[in-house]
Protein backbone atom coordinates (compact mmCIF):
# COMPACT_ATOMS: atom_id res chain seq x y z
CA UNK A 1 127.00 130.07 130.11
CA UNK A 2 124.88 127.41 129.29
CA UNK A 3 126.65 123.91 129.53
CA UNK A 4 125.77 122.15 125.92
CA UNK A 5 125.84 118.29 126.28
CA UNK A 6 128.48 117.12 123.22
CA UNK A 7 128.98 113.95 121.48
CA UNK A 8 132.50 112.28 121.53
CA UNK A 9 132.69 113.24 117.50
CA UNK A 10 132.01 117.10 118.37
CA UNK A 11 128.49 117.21 117.55
CA UNK A 12 126.15 119.27 119.81
CA UNK A 13 123.43 117.29 121.02
CA UNK A 14 119.99 118.27 120.27
CA UNK A 15 116.28 117.52 121.35
CA UNK A 16 116.08 115.65 118.43
CA UNK A 17 119.16 113.04 119.34
CA UNK A 18 117.96 110.03 120.57
CA UNK A 19 119.45 107.71 123.24
CA UNK A 20 121.00 105.26 120.75
CA UNK A 21 121.73 102.75 123.53
CA UNK A 22 118.29 102.15 123.74
CA UNK A 23 117.41 98.71 122.70
CA UNK A 24 115.35 97.82 119.77
CA UNK A 25 112.62 95.58 121.37
CA UNK A 26 112.25 99.16 123.89
CA UNK A 27 111.70 101.01 120.92
CA UNK A 28 109.31 98.64 119.40
CA UNK A 29 107.14 98.53 122.68
CA UNK A 30 107.43 102.02 122.72
CA UNK A 31 106.39 102.57 119.22
CA UNK A 32 103.45 100.24 119.34
CA UNK A 33 102.40 101.96 122.72
CA UNK A 34 102.25 105.42 120.56
CA UNK A 35 100.75 103.88 117.93
CA UNK A 36 97.11 103.37 118.73
CA UNK A 37 96.32 102.29 114.79
CA UNK A 38 98.93 99.59 115.16
CA UNK A 39 97.87 98.32 118.16
CA UNK A 40 94.28 98.70 117.52
CA UNK A 41 92.96 94.64 116.96
CA UNK A 42 96.78 94.02 117.15
CA UNK A 43 96.11 90.21 118.56
CA UNK A 44 93.60 89.25 116.18
CA UNK A 45 96.40 90.38 113.32
CA UNK A 46 98.92 88.54 115.34
CA UNK A 47 96.54 85.21 115.65
CA UNK A 48 95.68 85.56 111.83
CA UNK A 49 99.84 85.49 111.30
CA UNK A 50 99.98 82.50 113.44
CA UNK A 51 97.21 80.70 111.54
CA UNK A 52 99.51 81.37 108.58
CA UNK A 53 102.21 79.69 109.81
CA UNK A 54 100.44 76.59 110.87
CA UNK A 55 99.38 75.90 107.34
CA UNK A 56 102.40 76.07 105.93
CA UNK A 57 103.45 73.76 108.91
CA UNK A 58 100.65 71.29 108.07
CA UNK A 59 101.74 70.78 104.59
CA UNK A 60 105.11 68.30 105.52
CA UNK A 61 103.18 66.44 108.22
CA UNK A 62 100.30 65.78 105.49
CA UNK A 63 103.10 64.92 102.82
CA UNK A 64 104.73 62.38 105.71
CA UNK A 65 101.04 60.58 106.26
CA UNK A 66 100.70 60.35 102.42
CA UNK A 67 104.16 58.60 102.04
CA UNK A 68 103.97 56.44 105.32
CA UNK A 69 100.46 55.21 105.44
CA UNK A 70 99.16 55.43 102.08
CA UNK A 71 102.00 55.79 99.68
CA UNK A 72 102.75 52.29 100.08
CA UNK A 73 100.67 49.88 101.45
CA UNK A 74 102.65 45.96 102.83
CA UNK A 75 101.51 44.58 99.43
CA UNK A 76 103.47 47.54 97.72
CA UNK A 77 100.71 49.08 96.31
CA UNK A 78 99.67 52.41 95.95
CA UNK A 79 96.45 53.73 98.27
CA UNK A 80 95.33 55.88 95.69
CA UNK A 81 92.26 56.58 97.82
CA UNK A 82 94.41 57.47 100.74
CA UNK A 83 96.75 59.59 98.74
CA UNK A 84 93.94 61.63 97.15
CA UNK A 85 92.01 62.18 100.69
CA UNK A 86 95.73 63.46 101.74
CA UNK A 87 96.10 65.89 99.02
CA UNK A 88 92.73 67.11 98.79
CA UNK A 89 93.41 68.16 102.22
CA UNK A 90 96.57 69.45 101.61
CA UNK A 91 95.24 71.52 98.90
CA UNK A 92 92.22 72.68 101.09
CA UNK A 93 94.39 74.06 104.10
CA UNK A 94 96.86 75.48 101.14
CA UNK A 95 94.01 77.56 99.80
CA UNK A 96 92.70 78.49 103.83
CA UNK A 97 96.31 79.65 104.15
CA UNK A 98 96.47 81.89 101.18
CA UNK A 99 93.43 83.21 102.12
CA UNK A 100 94.42 83.74 105.62
CA UNK A 101 97.72 85.14 104.21
CA UNK A 102 95.94 87.48 102.16
CA UNK A 103 93.65 88.87 104.84
CA UNK A 104 96.17 89.31 107.36
CA UNK A 105 98.53 91.30 104.53
CA UNK A 106 95.41 93.31 103.51
CA UNK A 107 94.67 94.08 107.43
CA UNK A 108 98.54 94.72 108.33
CA UNK A 109 98.42 97.43 105.13
CA UNK A 110 95.59 99.12 106.37
CA UNK A 111 96.71 99.53 109.86
CA UNK A 112 100.32 100.10 108.82
CA UNK A 113 99.29 103.12 106.63
CA UNK A 114 96.82 104.31 109.51
CA UNK A 115 99.87 104.02 111.79
CA UNK A 116 102.09 106.01 109.68
CA UNK A 117 99.21 108.80 108.89
CA UNK A 118 99.47 109.28 113.01
CA UNK A 119 103.25 109.57 113.21
CA UNK A 120 103.47 111.80 110.44
CA UNK A 121 100.63 113.93 111.40
CA UNK A 122 101.75 113.54 115.36
CA UNK A 123 105.48 114.45 114.44
CA UNK A 124 104.44 117.21 112.04
CA UNK A 125 102.31 119.28 115.00
CA UNK A 126 104.83 118.59 117.19
CA UNK A 127 107.68 120.69 115.30
CA UNK A 128 105.40 123.27 115.59
CA UNK A 129 104.72 123.21 119.03
CA UNK A 130 108.39 123.41 120.10
CA UNK A 131 110.18 126.60 120.73
CA UNK A 132 112.50 128.89 119.11
CA UNK A 133 115.24 127.55 121.05
CA UNK A 134 114.66 123.72 119.75
CA UNK A 135 114.31 124.92 115.86
CA UNK A 136 117.43 126.94 116.00
CA UNK A 137 119.55 123.95 117.58
CA UNK A 138 118.95 121.52 114.16
CA UNK A 139 118.53 122.18 110.42
CA UNK A 140 115.43 121.79 108.55
CA UNK A 141 116.51 118.94 106.71
CA UNK A 142 116.49 116.76 109.93
CA UNK A 143 112.88 117.76 111.11
CA UNK A 144 112.12 116.95 107.08
CA UNK A 145 113.82 113.39 107.45
CA UNK A 146 111.35 112.79 110.45
CA UNK A 147 108.17 113.40 109.04
CA UNK A 148 109.35 111.91 105.42
CA UNK A 149 112.19 109.66 104.84
CA UNK A 150 112.06 108.29 108.66
CA UNK A 151 108.45 107.52 108.40
CA UNK A 152 109.35 105.86 105.02
CA UNK A 153 111.67 103.65 106.20
CA UNK A 154 109.23 102.64 109.23
CA UNK A 155 106.91 102.19 106.63
CA UNK A 156 108.28 99.20 104.78
CA UNK A 157 109.22 97.38 108.05
CA UNK A 158 105.26 97.67 109.17
CA UNK A 159 103.80 96.87 105.80
CA UNK A 160 106.10 93.25 105.72
CA UNK A 161 108.72 92.97 108.36
CA UNK A 162 106.03 92.91 111.33
CA UNK A 163 104.03 90.02 109.71
CA UNK A 164 107.49 88.17 109.11
CA UNK A 165 108.50 88.31 112.90
CA UNK A 166 104.69 87.27 113.79
CA UNK A 167 104.40 84.29 111.81
CA UNK A 168 108.37 83.12 111.41
CA UNK A 169 108.77 82.27 114.84
CA UNK A 170 105.74 80.77 115.47
CA UNK A 171 106.68 78.69 112.15
CA UNK A 172 110.00 77.75 113.09
CA UNK A 173 108.89 76.75 117.17
CA UNK A 174 106.42 74.46 115.08
CA UNK A 175 108.68 72.73 112.98
CA UNK A 176 111.55 72.07 115.93
CA UNK A 177 108.22 70.46 117.44
CA UNK A 178 106.88 68.37 114.63
CA UNK A 179 111.00 67.71 114.02
CA UNK A 180 111.49 66.23 117.34
CA UNK A 181 108.46 64.24 117.22
CA UNK A 182 109.60 62.52 114.61
CA UNK A 183 113.47 62.10 115.93
CA UNK A 184 114.42 64.05 119.36
CA UNK A 185 117.97 63.29 117.66
CA UNK A 186 117.54 64.96 114.47
CA UNK A 187 115.76 67.54 116.07
CA UNK A 188 119.05 68.13 118.50
CA UNK A 189 121.47 67.52 116.01
CA UNK A 190 119.34 70.76 113.98
CA UNK A 191 119.28 72.68 117.19
CA UNK A 192 122.98 72.52 117.86
CA UNK A 193 123.94 73.32 114.49
CA UNK A 194 122.24 76.50 114.19
CA UNK A 195 122.67 77.27 117.74
CA UNK A 196 125.87 79.46 116.91
CA UNK A 197 124.16 81.49 114.28
CA UNK A 198 122.19 83.09 117.36
CA UNK A 199 125.35 84.72 119.06
CA UNK A 200 126.71 85.81 115.85
CA UNK A 201 123.51 86.99 114.56
CA UNK A 202 122.82 89.00 118.03
CA UNK A 203 126.49 90.44 117.26
CA UNK A 204 125.82 91.35 113.71
CA UNK A 205 122.71 92.96 115.08
CA UNK A 206 124.10 95.05 117.67
CA UNK A 207 126.46 96.40 114.73
CA UNK A 208 123.66 96.83 111.99
CA UNK A 209 121.48 98.78 114.47
CA UNK A 210 124.59 101.01 115.18
CA UNK A 211 125.24 101.50 111.24
CA UNK A 212 121.91 101.96 110.73
CA UNK A 213 121.60 105.20 113.23
CA UNK A 214 124.36 106.53 111.35
CA UNK A 215 122.71 106.30 108.14
CA UNK A 216 119.64 107.74 109.18
CA UNK A 217 121.41 110.84 111.00
CA UNK A 218 123.26 111.25 107.09
CA UNK A 219 119.75 110.83 105.27
CA UNK A 220 118.52 113.95 107.78
CA UNK A 221 121.81 115.70 106.98
CA UNK A 222 121.74 115.25 103.58
CA UNK A 223 118.24 116.47 103.16
CA UNK A 224 119.13 119.57 104.89
CA UNK A 225 121.81 120.00 102.21
CA UNK A 226 119.26 119.65 99.24
CA UNK A 227 116.78 122.07 101.30
CA UNK A 228 119.51 124.52 101.52
CA UNK A 229 120.50 124.37 98.19
CA UNK A 230 117.02 124.34 96.80
CA UNK A 231 115.78 127.46 99.05
CA UNK A 232 119.02 128.95 98.47
CA UNK A 233 119.64 128.73 94.69
CA UNK A 234 119.26 132.00 93.84
CA UNK A 235 122.06 133.34 95.92
CA UNK A 236 124.16 130.13 94.85
CA UNK A 237 123.68 131.29 91.22
CA UNK A 238 124.24 135.02 91.98
CA UNK A 239 127.24 134.69 93.76
CA UNK A 240 128.76 131.82 91.44
CA UNK A 241 128.88 129.36 93.92
CA UNK A 242 127.52 126.30 92.46
CA UNK A 243 130.76 124.64 92.32
CA UNK A 244 130.91 124.89 96.02
CA UNK A 245 127.41 123.72 96.70
CA UNK A 246 128.22 121.05 94.34
CA UNK A 247 131.40 119.80 96.59
CA UNK A 248 129.13 120.29 99.97
CA UNK A 249 126.03 118.00 98.45
CA UNK A 250 128.56 115.80 97.09
CA UNK A 251 130.19 115.47 100.77
CA UNK A 252 126.74 114.93 102.45
CA UNK A 253 125.79 112.44 99.48
CA UNK A 254 128.90 110.29 100.36
CA UNK A 255 128.68 110.67 103.75
CA UNK A 256 125.49 108.85 102.95
CA UNK A 257 126.53 106.73 101.08
CA UNK A 258 129.09 105.25 103.13
CA UNK A 259 126.76 104.66 106.00
CA UNK A 260 124.60 102.44 103.67
CA UNK A 261 127.38 100.71 101.93
CA UNK A 262 128.62 100.08 106.07
CA UNK A 263 125.17 98.83 106.95
CA UNK A 264 124.94 96.61 104.03
CA UNK A 265 128.06 94.85 105.06
CA UNK A 266 126.22 93.28 107.83
CA UNK A 267 123.20 93.07 106.22
CA UNK A 268 125.08 90.32 103.52
CA UNK A 269 126.93 89.04 106.63
CA UNK A 270 123.65 88.18 108.53
CA UNK A 271 122.34 86.05 105.06
CA UNK A 272 125.77 84.41 104.54
CA UNK A 273 125.36 83.11 108.27
CA UNK A 274 121.73 82.04 107.96
CA UNK A 275 122.41 80.49 104.71
CA UNK A 276 125.91 78.64 105.73
CA UNK A 277 123.95 76.98 108.86
CA UNK A 278 121.20 76.38 107.36
CA UNK A 279 123.15 74.10 104.62
CA UNK A 280 125.05 72.54 107.27
CA UNK A 281 122.06 71.46 109.32
CA UNK A 282 120.15 69.81 105.80
CA UNK A 283 123.41 67.94 105.46
CA UNK A 284 124.02 66.85 108.60
CA UNK A 285 120.24 65.58 108.87
CA UNK A 286 120.37 63.99 105.36
CA UNK A 287 123.74 62.06 106.46
CA UNK A 288 122.59 61.13 109.69
CA UNK A 289 119.09 60.33 108.43
CA UNK A 290 119.83 57.94 105.88
CA UNK A 291 122.72 56.05 107.41
CA UNK A 292 121.03 55.38 110.84
CA UNK A 293 117.24 55.32 109.66
CA UNK A 294 116.68 51.96 111.12
CA UNK A 295 118.11 52.67 114.32
CA UNK A 296 116.57 56.27 114.50
CA UNK A 297 113.25 54.22 113.95
CA UNK A 298 112.48 56.69 110.78
CA UNK A 299 109.29 55.47 108.54
CA UNK A 300 110.67 56.80 104.60
CA UNK A 301 107.67 59.39 105.23
CA UNK A 302 109.32 60.85 108.22
CA UNK A 303 112.19 60.88 106.80
CA UNK A 304 111.32 63.10 103.59
CA UNK A 305 109.38 65.13 105.96
CA UNK A 306 112.37 65.89 108.28
CA UNK A 307 114.22 66.75 105.31
CA UNK A 308 111.74 69.07 104.64
CA UNK A 309 111.43 70.54 107.59
CA UNK A 310 114.74 71.47 107.78
CA UNK A 311 114.53 73.33 104.27
CA UNK A 312 111.62 74.90 105.81
CA UNK A 313 113.04 76.07 108.59
CA UNK A 314 116.10 77.56 106.60
CA UNK A 315 113.74 79.52 104.79
CA UNK A 316 112.30 81.38 108.00
CA UNK A 317 115.49 82.07 108.95
CA UNK A 318 116.77 83.56 106.02
CA UNK A 319 113.76 85.63 106.01
CA UNK A 320 114.24 86.81 109.16
CA UNK A 321 117.97 87.50 108.11
CA UNK A 322 116.73 89.57 105.42
CA UNK A 323 113.76 91.16 107.40
CA UNK A 324 116.58 92.09 110.76
CA UNK A 325 118.19 94.75 107.86
CA UNK A 326 115.30 96.49 107.67
CA UNK A 327 114.33 96.09 110.95
CA UNK A 328 117.15 97.77 112.19
CA UNK A 329 116.54 100.59 109.79
CA UNK A 330 112.85 100.76 111.21
CA UNK A 331 113.89 100.80 114.60
CA UNK A 332 116.44 103.52 113.95
CA UNK A 333 113.98 105.62 112.05
CA UNK A 334 111.27 104.85 114.93
CA UNK A 335 113.73 105.99 117.51
CA UNK A 336 114.36 109.23 115.88
CA UNK A 337 110.15 109.56 115.28
CA UNK A 338 109.79 108.95 119.00
CA UNK A 339 112.29 110.74 120.32
CA UNK A 340 110.70 113.57 118.57
CA UNK A 341 107.43 113.03 119.54
CA UNK A 342 108.47 112.57 123.29
CA UNK A 343 110.81 115.36 123.19
CA UNK A 344 109.62 118.03 125.88
CA UNK A 345 107.79 120.91 124.90
CA UNK A 346 109.36 124.20 126.39
CA UNK A 347 106.31 126.33 125.31
CA UNK A 348 103.26 124.48 126.60
CA UNK A 349 99.71 126.41 126.04
CA UNK A 350 97.81 126.03 129.22
CA UNK A 351 94.31 124.67 129.23
CA UNK A 352 91.75 126.49 128.93
CA UNK A 353 94.04 129.32 129.70
CA UNK A 354 93.25 133.19 130.38
CA UNK A 355 91.65 135.68 128.02
CA UNK A 356 93.30 139.05 127.05
CA UNK A 357 90.86 142.03 126.69
CA UNK A 358 90.76 143.76 123.33
CA UNK A 359 92.74 147.27 122.34
CA UNK A 360 96.08 148.36 123.09
CA UNK A 361 98.38 145.79 125.00
CA UNK A 362 100.36 147.03 128.30
CA UNK A 363 103.63 145.20 128.57
CA UNK A 364 105.88 144.54 131.52
CA UNK A 365 108.63 142.68 131.20
CA UNK A 366 110.55 142.19 134.61
CA UNK A 367 114.51 140.63 134.66
CA UNK A 368 114.11 138.93 131.36
CA UNK A 369 116.71 136.05 130.68
CA UNK A 370 117.23 133.72 128.10
CA UNK A 371 119.47 130.95 126.41
CA UNK A 372 119.81 129.24 123.46
CA UNK A 373 121.27 125.69 123.97
CA UNK A 374 124.22 126.76 121.73
CA UNK A 375 125.90 130.31 122.14
CA UNK A 376 124.74 131.29 125.59
CA UNK A 377 122.55 134.02 127.05
CA UNK A 378 120.72 136.23 124.61
CA UNK A 379 118.80 138.45 127.05
CA UNK A 380 120.37 139.45 130.38
CA UNK A 381 118.05 140.54 133.45
CA UNK A 382 116.08 142.64 130.33
CA UNK A 383 113.03 144.86 132.44
CA UNK A 384 110.70 147.28 130.67
CA UNK A 385 107.45 148.76 131.04
CA UNK A 386 105.47 149.95 127.88
CA UNK A 387 102.38 151.70 128.27
CA UNK A 388 99.50 150.47 126.00
CA UNK A 389 99.34 152.65 122.96
CA UNK A 390 103.06 153.05 122.39
CA UNK A 391 105.21 153.18 119.52
CA UNK A 392 108.28 151.57 120.45
CA UNK A 393 111.68 151.28 118.38
CA UNK A 394 114.04 148.45 119.11
CA UNK A 395 117.34 149.01 118.01
CA UNK A 396 121.04 147.62 118.52
CA UNK A 397 123.70 146.00 116.66
CA UNK A 398 123.78 142.30 114.77
CA UNK A 399 123.41 139.76 117.66
CA UNK A 400 121.98 141.92 120.69
CA UNK A 401 118.99 140.23 121.54
CA UNK A 402 116.65 142.57 119.86
CA UNK A 403 114.83 139.98 117.53
CA UNK A 404 114.98 137.34 120.54
CA UNK A 405 113.33 139.79 122.79
CA UNK A 406 110.52 140.27 119.82
CA UNK A 407 109.99 136.57 119.55
CA UNK A 408 109.66 136.47 123.30
CA UNK A 409 106.48 138.60 123.25
CA UNK A 410 105.12 136.45 120.76
CA UNK A 411 105.98 133.58 123.05
CA UNK A 412 107.93 131.72 120.50
CA UNK A 413 110.05 130.37 123.64
CA UNK A 414 109.24 130.97 127.53
CA UNK A 415 112.17 132.66 129.42
CA UNK A 416 114.74 131.24 131.52
CA UNK A 417 113.79 133.47 134.44
CA UNK A 418 111.63 137.02 134.45
CA UNK A 419 107.90 137.23 133.42
CA UNK A 420 106.50 139.04 130.75
CA UNK A 421 103.15 140.15 131.24
CA UNK A 422 100.56 141.64 128.70
CA UNK A 423 97.88 143.86 130.22
CA UNK A 424 98.98 142.73 133.82
CA UNK A 425 98.55 138.95 132.48
CA UNK A 426 101.35 136.45 132.30
CA UNK A 427 101.98 135.28 129.00
CA UNK A 428 102.26 131.82 129.67
CA UNK A 429 99.00 132.03 131.60
CA UNK A 430 97.15 133.35 128.12
CA UNK A 431 95.26 130.58 126.29
CA UNK A 432 96.77 129.73 122.31
CA UNK A 433 93.66 131.97 120.93
CA UNK A 434 93.96 134.57 123.09
CA UNK A 435 97.63 134.95 122.70
CA UNK A 436 97.13 134.82 118.74
CA UNK A 437 94.67 137.42 119.12
CA UNK A 438 96.50 139.70 121.12
CA UNK A 439 99.98 139.60 119.24
CA UNK A 440 101.09 139.57 115.89
CA UNK A 441 104.28 139.57 114.34
CA UNK A 442 105.30 140.62 110.43
CA UNK A 443 108.50 139.22 109.94
CA UNK A 444 111.60 141.11 107.58
CA UNK A 445 110.72 138.24 105.05
CA UNK A 446 106.98 137.58 105.16
CA UNK A 447 106.70 133.94 104.27
CA UNK A 448 104.00 133.49 102.14
CA UNK A 449 102.58 129.62 101.04
CA UNK A 450 102.06 128.40 97.59
CA UNK A 451 98.28 129.24 97.42
CA UNK A 452 96.28 132.59 96.05
CA UNK A 453 97.35 136.02 97.64
CA UNK A 454 93.73 136.39 99.14
CA UNK A 455 94.16 132.44 100.77
CA UNK A 456 97.65 133.85 102.13
CA UNK A 457 96.18 136.88 103.86
CA UNK A 458 93.25 134.77 105.35
CA UNK A 459 96.24 132.92 107.30
CA UNK A 460 95.75 135.97 109.74
CA UNK A 461 92.43 134.60 110.46
CA UNK A 462 91.09 131.82 108.45
CA UNK A 463 87.49 132.05 109.61
CA UNK A 464 87.36 135.90 108.48
CA UNK A 465 84.69 136.52 106.24
CA UNK A 466 85.13 137.74 102.81
CA UNK A 467 83.35 141.28 103.92
CA UNK A 468 86.24 141.43 106.82
CA UNK A 469 89.17 140.56 104.28
CA UNK A 470 88.06 143.75 102.38
CA UNK A 471 87.64 145.52 105.31
CA UNK A 472 91.47 144.87 106.17
CA UNK A 473 92.41 145.91 102.69
CA UNK A 474 90.52 149.30 103.12
CA UNK A 475 91.94 149.74 106.36
CA UNK A 476 95.49 149.80 104.64
CA UNK A 477 93.94 151.50 101.64
CA UNK A 478 95.82 149.23 99.41
CA UNK A 479 92.83 147.92 97.25
CA UNK A 480 95.21 149.63 94.39
CA UNK A 481 97.98 147.04 94.86
CA UNK A 482 95.38 144.25 94.98
CA UNK A 483 93.43 145.57 91.55
CA UNK A 484 96.90 145.81 90.17
CA UNK A 485 97.39 142.23 90.17
CA UNK A 486 97.16 139.76 87.43
CA UNK A 487 93.85 138.19 89.05
CA UNK A 488 93.62 139.95 92.20
CA UNK A 489 93.21 137.98 95.51
CA UNK A 490 92.89 135.15 93.30
CA UNK A 491 96.68 135.91 91.97
CA UNK A 492 98.70 132.82 92.68
CA UNK A 493 101.47 133.82 95.41
CA UNK A 494 103.85 131.10 93.87
CA UNK A 495 105.88 128.79 96.00
CA UNK A 496 107.38 131.18 99.39
CA UNK A 497 105.75 133.88 97.31
CA UNK A 498 107.97 133.62 94.31
CA UNK A 499 105.46 135.47 91.91
CA UNK A 500 105.77 138.83 94.25
CA UNK A 501 108.50 141.12 95.12
CA UNK A 502 110.08 141.24 98.49
CA UNK A 503 108.06 144.59 99.02
CA UNK A 504 104.59 143.03 98.01
CA UNK A 505 105.55 139.61 100.12
CA UNK A 506 105.26 142.34 103.20
CA UNK A 507 102.20 144.10 101.70
CA UNK A 508 100.44 140.80 101.90
CA UNK A 509 101.96 140.05 105.60
CA UNK A 510 100.82 143.63 106.72
CA UNK A 511 97.25 142.70 105.38
CA UNK A 512 97.39 139.49 107.15
CA UNK A 513 98.39 140.85 110.57
CA UNK A 514 95.61 143.88 109.74
CA UNK A 515 92.82 141.09 109.32
CA UNK A 516 94.26 139.56 112.72
CA UNK A 517 93.65 142.73 114.35
CA UNK A 518 95.92 142.42 117.57
CA UNK A 519 96.19 144.35 120.02
CA UNK A 520 99.92 144.20 119.99
CA UNK A 521 101.84 144.43 116.51
CA UNK A 522 105.78 143.51 116.19
CA UNK A 523 107.66 144.76 112.83
CA UNK A 524 110.92 142.90 111.85
CA UNK A 525 111.66 146.19 109.79
CA UNK A 526 109.28 145.47 107.56
CA UNK A 527 110.12 148.19 104.60
CA UNK A 528 113.59 147.14 104.48
CA UNK A 529 114.86 146.12 101.38
CA UNK A 530 112.21 147.47 98.95
CA UNK A 531 111.64 149.91 96.47
CA UNK A 532 110.78 153.17 97.18
CA UNK A 533 107.65 153.22 95.92
CA UNK A 534 106.93 150.24 97.93
CA UNK A 535 108.50 151.88 100.36
CA UNK A 536 106.02 154.63 100.92
CA UNK A 537 103.02 152.09 100.42
CA UNK A 538 104.70 150.27 103.24
CA UNK A 539 104.83 153.05 105.59
CA UNK A 540 101.66 154.21 104.93
CA UNK A 541 100.33 151.24 105.80
CA UNK A 542 102.56 150.08 108.85
CA UNK A 543 100.98 153.66 110.26
CA UNK A 544 97.38 153.06 109.46
CA UNK A 545 97.80 149.80 110.83
CA UNK A 546 99.37 150.83 114.06
CA UNK A 547 96.53 153.55 114.80
CA UNK A 548 94.97 152.05 118.19
CA UNK A 549 97.57 149.43 118.78
CA UNK A 550 100.63 148.90 120.47
CA UNK A 551 103.51 148.76 117.93
CA UNK A 552 106.98 147.57 118.31
CA UNK A 553 109.40 148.01 115.64
CA UNK A 554 112.93 146.13 115.19
CA UNK A 555 114.64 149.00 113.42
CA UNK A 556 117.65 148.08 111.37
CA UNK A 557 117.70 151.41 109.71
CA UNK A 558 117.14 154.23 112.24
CA UNK A 559 114.42 156.44 110.22
CA UNK A 560 111.92 153.86 112.09
CA UNK A 561 113.47 154.71 115.63
CA UNK A 562 113.49 159.21 114.67
CA UNK A 563 109.37 158.49 114.70
CA UNK A 564 108.82 156.15 117.47
CA UNK A 565 107.69 157.32 120.79
CA UNK A 566 110.21 155.28 122.50
CA UNK A 567 113.42 153.84 121.90
CA UNK A 568 114.67 151.02 123.36
CA UNK A 569 118.66 150.14 122.39
CA UNK A 570 120.08 146.76 123.07
CA UNK A 571 123.65 145.85 123.83
CA UNK A 572 124.57 142.04 123.99
CA UNK A 573 121.49 140.78 125.77
CA UNK A 574 121.38 143.77 128.06
CA UNK A 575 118.61 146.66 127.78
CA UNK A 576 121.61 149.62 127.31
CA UNK A 577 119.63 152.39 127.09
CA UNK A 578 115.42 153.99 126.71
CA UNK A 579 113.99 157.13 126.17
CA UNK A 580 112.69 158.96 122.88
CA UNK A 581 115.06 159.60 120.03
CA UNK A 582 115.79 163.23 120.98
CA UNK A 583 116.83 162.31 124.23
CA UNK A 584 119.32 159.48 123.25
CA UNK A 585 120.51 160.95 120.13
CA UNK A 586 122.49 163.57 122.65
CA UNK A 587 123.30 161.33 125.22
CA UNK A 588 127.09 159.62 124.85
CA UNK A 589 125.97 155.96 124.26
CA UNK A 590 125.38 153.33 121.83
CA UNK A 591 122.08 155.18 120.37
CA UNK A 592 124.00 158.22 119.28
CA UNK A 593 127.15 156.59 117.93
CA UNK A 594 124.51 154.26 115.63
CA UNK A 595 122.69 157.54 114.63
CA UNK A 596 126.20 159.14 113.79
CA UNK A 597 127.37 156.05 111.78
CA UNK A 598 123.66 155.95 109.86
CA UNK A 599 123.50 159.42 109.12
CA UNK A 600 126.84 159.53 108.04
CA UNK A 601 126.13 156.58 105.34
CA UNK A 602 122.68 158.19 104.05
CA UNK A 603 124.75 161.26 103.30
CA UNK A 604 127.13 159.52 101.60
């Protein structure tokens, strides 16, 4: 039995669960490193942000100069010319700072969107490179959350929060320096007053980050519940399970709500801490500055500028407090996205890889062992040799490993141990293009995209010409069915093929496989759950499609096994029996028992 890591709350650890103990700065550094669009020109963007901060810093300095140098002369007269010059300088600096702010924001938004585009496409591509074991270990909602809500949470930070973290620390440091230039004692008073806020903010930050991690996880679970409810709407209605499903959705929504409320409590605490200490600092500077102005050697303009600076310091600190919540949520989302992107790929295609010869495929499987991360071994010591052009039926009870065996032949996952060779070439050594050209699987429920029937068929070989597509239809003698559709090949299939029946979706999947023209065709009982007319059409199409190929059919109905050259019988991950139908049906064992049960059911 494979050891499976489990969290203290009982949840199984999957490849999509990041190390939640990783610090925020570590995540941000990894995120910038993994995001070339964000990294490109980062220095210039930061420099532009600093110039914005310096522009804001110049305003209180010029106000001090206007009051002390030009506001009142020794004769108690206002030097209008000096004040006008300083005001003009202030206006000029404000205009330049505003322009720099505008350019910086535009640059950041552009880089942010490029970064998000890069992350979405990279994460989406990674999802399709992960093995079937990875997909079995998590819900589709978690994967959806990674490329949707998690990226959106990050978008808010990259568009605005990143700019704040660049400019506001520079602004706060610069203000302290100017304040110290006017009066070191006042600067020390402000620093000592605000100092206790730092450990408090750090304490809140750690708990806020943990709360946001829980929130992002809850969002993924909620999206998974929504996805399941939408895709299973017909079943829910058919069985009158609306109340049960509504309760399930309500629980997932409630979990998301409670985790968000918990995170917001910490955010509210951040605002209280920043406002409290900033107000206290302003009050102390006002009292000390007015009472001891002469002793401190402060001019009127310097005192006003000092109060102005303390007020301005409170602003960036408060804004940093506000953006801290957004940053925590973004860091949590970024950590999850990066963990998905960095997850090891179990099935890595070789470059350039070998190319299998065309034609029927010879299959050699030796001591094949495979385990999902949860549930233990599914295949255990499977060995078999299948000559090219053989029609093989794979049978067994539910959970015996027959579907997993078929997925291994498609290399949706790699074995724990053992080997699979096609025409003498190790499956893992075939290039992706050669593997796709050699092996194709038609699943039991042929998945169709929300496109036309013709476009869905072209998924078999996107570069195929119209003539090749027509040849695939004619090969299976299904022109009559295409002509019966409302708009022929241009007929919309609908979302998940909803405009077509189950059997019609299977016909599209078979034509798609014919267009791909593989040497090894794997069918997951393509004729199950269809009406008699479609069953006959499917059976005839499969017979024509299998000519000149190696065919492996996962047989849920033993009628498929009766017409096969070879029958492989799986039992609890082992290849229990192998032989022809005529041989196995008279031998004591699993196949004979299954066949008796099946024939008894069909007679009934």
